[in-house]
Amino acid sequence: MSVVPAFPTLSQLLAWPTEHLTEAADHWEAVGGRCYGWPTRSGETR
């Protein structure tokens, strides 16, 4: 019989690093801006 791993606690989840998610969002917003001319969150306009 296999053992199901326990879920992480809330404090463990909150301690997980999330910088990579912000960096990824910034990257894809920049790609979208270059491809489609969309303004980014930083307030840039065309």
PDB file of N, CA and C in Angstrom:
ATOM      1  N   MET A   1       0.851  -1.178   0.000  1.00  0.00           N
ATOM      2  CA  MET A   1       0.000   0.000   0.000  1.00  0.00           C
ATOM      3  C   MET A   1       0.897   1.240   0.000  1.00  0.00           C
ATOM      4  N   SER A   2       0.601   2.202  -0.881  1.00  0.00           N
ATOM      5  CA  SER A   2       1.418   3.415  -0.949  1.00  0.00           C
ATOM      6  C   SER A   2       0.963   4.426   0.095  1.00  0.00           C
ATOM      7  N   VAL A   3       1.909   5.228   0.504  1.00  0.00           N
ATOM      8  CA  VAL A   3       1.629   6.254   1.503  1.00  0.00           C
ATOM      9  C   VAL A   3       1.436   7.587   0.782  1.00  0.00           C
ATOM     10  N   VAL A   4       0.365   8.289   1.119  1.00  0.00           N
ATOM     11  CA  VAL A   4       0.092   9.596   0.530  1.00  0.00           C
ATOM     12  C   VAL A   4       0.849  10.641   1.343  1.00  0.00           C
ATOM     13  N   PRO A   5       1.662  11.476   0.679  1.00  0.00           N
ATOM     14  CA  PRO A   5       2.398  12.491   1.438  1.00  0.00           C
ATOM     15  C   PRO A   5       1.444  13.516   2.043  1.00  0.00           C
ATOM     16  N   ALA A   6       1.817  14.045   3.185  1.00  0.00           N
ATOM     17  CA  ALA A   6       0.991  15.045   3.863  1.00  0.00           C
ATOM     18  C   ALA A   6       1.070  16.375   3.119  1.00  0.00           C
ATOM     19  N   PHE A   7       0.025  17.142   3.202  1.00  0.00           N
ATOM     20  CA  PHE A   7       0.028  18.476   2.615  1.00  0.00           C
ATOM     21  C   PHE A   7       0.885  19.393   3.479  1.00  0.00           C
ATOM     22  N   PRO A   8       1.520  20.403   2.859  1.00  0.00           N
ATOM     23  CA  PRO A   8       2.309  21.343   3.658  1.00  0.00           C
ATOM     24  C   PRO A   8       1.389  22.186   4.538  1.00  0.00           C
ATOM     25  N   THR A   9       1.931  22.644   5.630  1.00  0.00           N
ATOM     26  CA  THR A   9       1.162  23.510   6.527  1.00  0.00           C
ATOM     27  C   THR A   9       1.078  24.907   5.923  1.00  0.00           C
ATOM     28  N   LEU A  10       0.200  25.730   6.466  1.00  0.00           N
ATOM     29  CA  LEU A  10       0.060  27.097   5.982  1.00  0.00           C
ATOM     30  C   LEU A  10       1.369  27.859   6.139  1.00  0.00           C
ATOM     31  N   SER A  11       2.031  27.707   7.263  1.00  0.00           N
ATOM     32  CA  SER A  11       3.290  28.424   7.463  1.00  0.00           C
ATOM     33  C   SER A  11       4.356  27.968   6.469  1.00  0.00           C
ATOM     34  N   GLN A  12       4.346  26.688   6.093  1.00  0.00           N
ATOM     35  CA  GLN A  12       5.285  26.208   5.079  1.00  0.00           C
ATOM     36  C   GLN A  12       4.954  26.810   3.715  1.00  0.00           C
ATOM     37  N   LEU A  13       3.672  26.880   3.390  1.00  0.00           N
ATOM     38  CA  LEU A  13       3.273  27.480   2.115  1.00  0.00           C
ATOM     39  C   LEU A  13       3.658  28.954   2.044  1.00  0.00           C
ATOM     40  N   LEU A  14       3.429  29.680   3.125  1.00  0.00           N
ATOM     41  CA  LEU A  14       3.744  31.103   3.146  1.00  0.00           C
ATOM     42  C   LEU A  14       5.243  31.360   3.089  1.00  0.00           C
ATOM     43  N   ALA A  15       6.046  30.378   3.483  1.00  0.00           N
ATOM     44  CA  ALA A  15       7.502  30.522   3.463  1.00  0.00           C
ATOM     45  C   ALA A  15       8.101  30.206   2.096  1.00  0.00           C
ATOM     46  N   TRP A  16       7.326  29.628   1.196  1.00  0.00           N
ATOM     47  CA  TRP A  16       7.848  29.281  -0.129  1.00  0.00           C
ATOM     48  C   TRP A  16       8.236  30.550  -0.877  1.00  0.00           C
ATOM     49  N   PRO A  17       9.339  30.506  -1.615  1.00  0.00           N
ATOM     50  CA  PRO A  17       9.740  31.685  -2.391  1.00  0.00           C
ATOM     51  C   PRO A  17       8.788  31.912  -3.571  1.00  0.00           C
ATOM     52  N   THR A  18       8.497  33.167  -3.842  1.00  0.00           N
ATOM     53  CA  THR A  18       7.583  33.492  -4.943  1.00  0.00           C
ATOM     54  C   THR A  18       8.169  34.519  -5.910  1.00  0.00           C
ATOM     55  N   GLU A  19       9.435  34.905  -5.693  1.00  0.00           N
ATOM     56  CA  GLU A  19      10.043  35.916  -6.554  1.00  0.00           C
ATOM     57  C   GLU A  19      10.004  35.499  -8.021  1.00  0.00           C
ATOM     58  N   HIS A  20      10.188  34.209  -8.263  1.00  0.00           N
ATOM     59  CA  HIS A  20      10.212  33.734  -9.650  1.00  0.00           C
ATOM     60  C   HIS A  20       8.872  33.959 -10.347  1.00  0.00           C
ATOM     61  N   LEU A  21       7.791  33.970  -9.594  1.00  0.00           N
ATOM     62  CA  LEU A  21       6.478  34.204 -10.197  1.00  0.00           C
ATOM     63  C   LEU A  21       6.339  35.660 -10.645  1.00  0.00           C
ATOM     64  N   THR A  22       6.818  36.582  -9.813  1.00  0.00           N
ATOM     65  CA  THR A  22       6.789  37.995 -10.170  1.00  0.00           C
ATOM     66  C   THR A  22       7.689  38.261 -11.368  1.00  0.00           C
ATOM     67  N   GLU A  23       8.877  37.647 -11.365  1.00  0.00           N
ATOM     68  CA  GLU A  23       9.800  37.808 -12.494  1.00  0.00           C
ATOM     69  C   GLU A  23       9.183  37.267 -13.786  1.00  0.00           C
ATOM     70  N   ALA A  24       8.513  36.130 -13.693  1.00  0.00           N
ATOM     71  CA  ALA A  24       7.878  35.548 -14.881  1.00  0.00           C
ATOM     72  C   ALA A  24       6.755  36.449 -15.392  1.00  0.00           C
ATOM     73  N   ALA A  25       5.959  36.997 -14.484  1.00  0.00           N
ATOM     74  CA  ALA A  25       4.872  37.894 -14.895  1.00  0.00           C
ATOM     75  C   ALA A  25       5.434  39.131 -15.585  1.00  0.00           C
ATOM     76  N   ASP A  26       6.506  39.701 -15.026  1.00  0.00           N
ATOM     77  CA  ASP A  26       7.135  40.868 -15.646  1.00  0.00           C
ATOM     78  C   ASP A  26       7.663  40.528 -17.038  1.00  0.00           C
ATOM     79  N   HIS A  27       8.286  39.367 -17.156  1.00  0.00           N
ATOM     80  CA  HIS A  27       8.830  38.939 -18.449  1.00  0.00           C
ATOM     81  C   HIS A  27       7.729  38.835 -19.496  1.00  0.00           C
ATOM     82  N   TRP A  28       6.639  38.145 -19.157  1.00  0.00           N
ATOM     83  CA  TRP A  28       5.594  37.921 -20.160  1.00  0.00           C
ATOM     84  C   TRP A  28       4.816  39.192 -20.468  1.00  0.00           C
ATOM     85  N   GLU A  29       4.714  40.109 -19.506  1.00  0.00           N
ATOM     86  CA  GLU A  29       4.098  41.402 -19.813  1.00  0.00           C
ATOM     87  C   GLU A  29       4.964  42.181 -20.791  1.00  0.00           C
ATOM     88  N   ALA A  30       6.288  42.100 -20.617  1.00  0.00           N
ATOM     89  CA  ALA A  30       7.199  42.776 -21.541  1.00  0.00           C
ATOM     90  C   ALA A  30       7.103  42.157 -22.932  1.00  0.00           C
ATOM     91  N   VAL A  31       7.019  40.838 -23.002  1.00  0.00           N
ATOM     92  CA  VAL A  31       6.873  40.161 -24.294  1.00  0.00           C
ATOM     93  C   VAL A  31       5.571  40.602 -24.963  1.00  0.00           C
ATOM     94  N   GLY A  32       4.493  40.639 -24.204  1.00  0.00           N
ATOM     95  CA  GLY A  32       3.213  41.082 -24.755  1.00  0.00           C
ATOM     96  C   GLY A  32       3.285  42.515 -25.247  1.00  0.00           C
ATOM     97  N   GLY A  33       3.982  43.359 -24.501  1.00  0.00           N
ATOM     98  CA  GLY A  33       4.131  44.748 -24.912  1.00  0.00           C
ATOM     99  C   GLY A  33       4.893  44.885 -26.213  1.00  0.00           C
ATOM    100  N   ARG A  34       5.937  44.080 -26.371  1.00  0.00           N
ATOM    101  CA  ARG A  34       6.723  44.139 -27.609  1.00  0.00           C
ATOM    102  C   ARG A  34       5.933  43.576 -28.784  1.00  0.00           C
ATOM    103  N   CYS A  35       5.190  42.522 -28.548  1.00  0.00           N
ATOM    104  CA  CYS A  35       4.468  41.862 -29.642  1.00  0.00           C
ATOM    105  C   CYS A  35       3.198  42.609 -30.043  1.00  0.00           C
ATOM    106  N   TYR A  36       2.507  43.169 -29.079  1.00  0.00           N
ATOM    107  CA  TYR A  36       1.197  43.754 -29.354  1.00  0.00           C
ATOM    108  C   TYR A  36       1.115  45.246 -29.049  1.00  0.00           C
ATOM    109  N   GLY A  37       2.195  45.824 -28.564  1.00  0.00           N
ATOM    110  CA  GLY A  37       2.191  47.248 -28.254  1.00  0.00           C
ATOM    111  C   GLY A  37       1.353  47.614 -27.046  1.00  0.00           C
ATOM    112  N   TRP A  38       1.152  46.670 -26.138  1.00  0.00           N
ATOM    113  CA  TRP A  38       0.367  46.950 -24.937  1.00  0.00           C
ATOM    114  C   TRP A  38       1.206  47.702 -23.924  1.00  0.00           C
ATOM    115  N   PRO A  39       0.608  48.671 -23.221  1.00  0.00           N
ATOM    116  CA  PRO A  39       1.331  49.307 -22.123  1.00  0.00           C
ATOM    117  C   PRO A  39       1.536  48.303 -20.979  1.00  0.00           C
ATOM    118  N   THR A  40       2.578  48.499 -20.220  1.00  0.00           N
ATOM    119  CA  THR A  40       2.858  47.597 -19.101  1.00  0.00           C
ATOM    120  C   THR A  40       2.352  48.197 -17.803  1.00  0.00           C
ATOM    121  N   ARG A  41       2.476  47.454 -16.717  1.00  0.00           N
ATOM    122  CA  ARG A  41       2.021  47.920 -15.415  1.00  0.00           C
ATOM    123  C   ARG A  41       2.799  49.139 -14.941  1.00  0.00           C
ATOM    124  N   SER A  42       4.015  49.338 -15.448  1.00  0.00           N
ATOM    125  CA  SER A  42       4.836  50.447 -14.979  1.00  0.00           C
ATOM    126  C   SER A  42       4.324  51.800 -15.472  1.00  0.00           C
ATOM    127  N   GLY A  43       3.257  51.800 -16.245  1.00  0.00           N
ATOM    128  CA  GLY A  43       2.658  53.041 -16.696  1.00  0.00           C
ATOM    129  C   GLY A  43       3.156  53.517 -18.043  1.00  0.00           C
ATOM    130  N   GLU A  44       3.924  52.686 -18.725  1.00  0.00           N
ATOM    131  CA  GLU A  44       4.411  53.072 -20.046  1.00  0.00           C
ATOM    132  C   GLU A  44       3.238  53.187 -21.013  1.00  0.00           C
ATOM    133  N   THR A  45       3.364  54.095 -21.947  1.00  0.00           N
ATOM    134  CA  THR A  45       2.365  54.210 -23.009  1.00  0.00           C
ATOM    135  C   THR A  45       3.072  54.110 -24.349  1.00  0.00           C
ATOM    136  N   ARG A  46       2.297  53.874 -25.370  1.00  0.00           N
ATOM    137  CA  ARG A  46       2.895  53.763 -26.708  1.00  0.00           C
ATOM    138  C   ARG A  46       3.342  55.085 -27.238  1.00  0.00           C
TER     139      ARG A  46
END
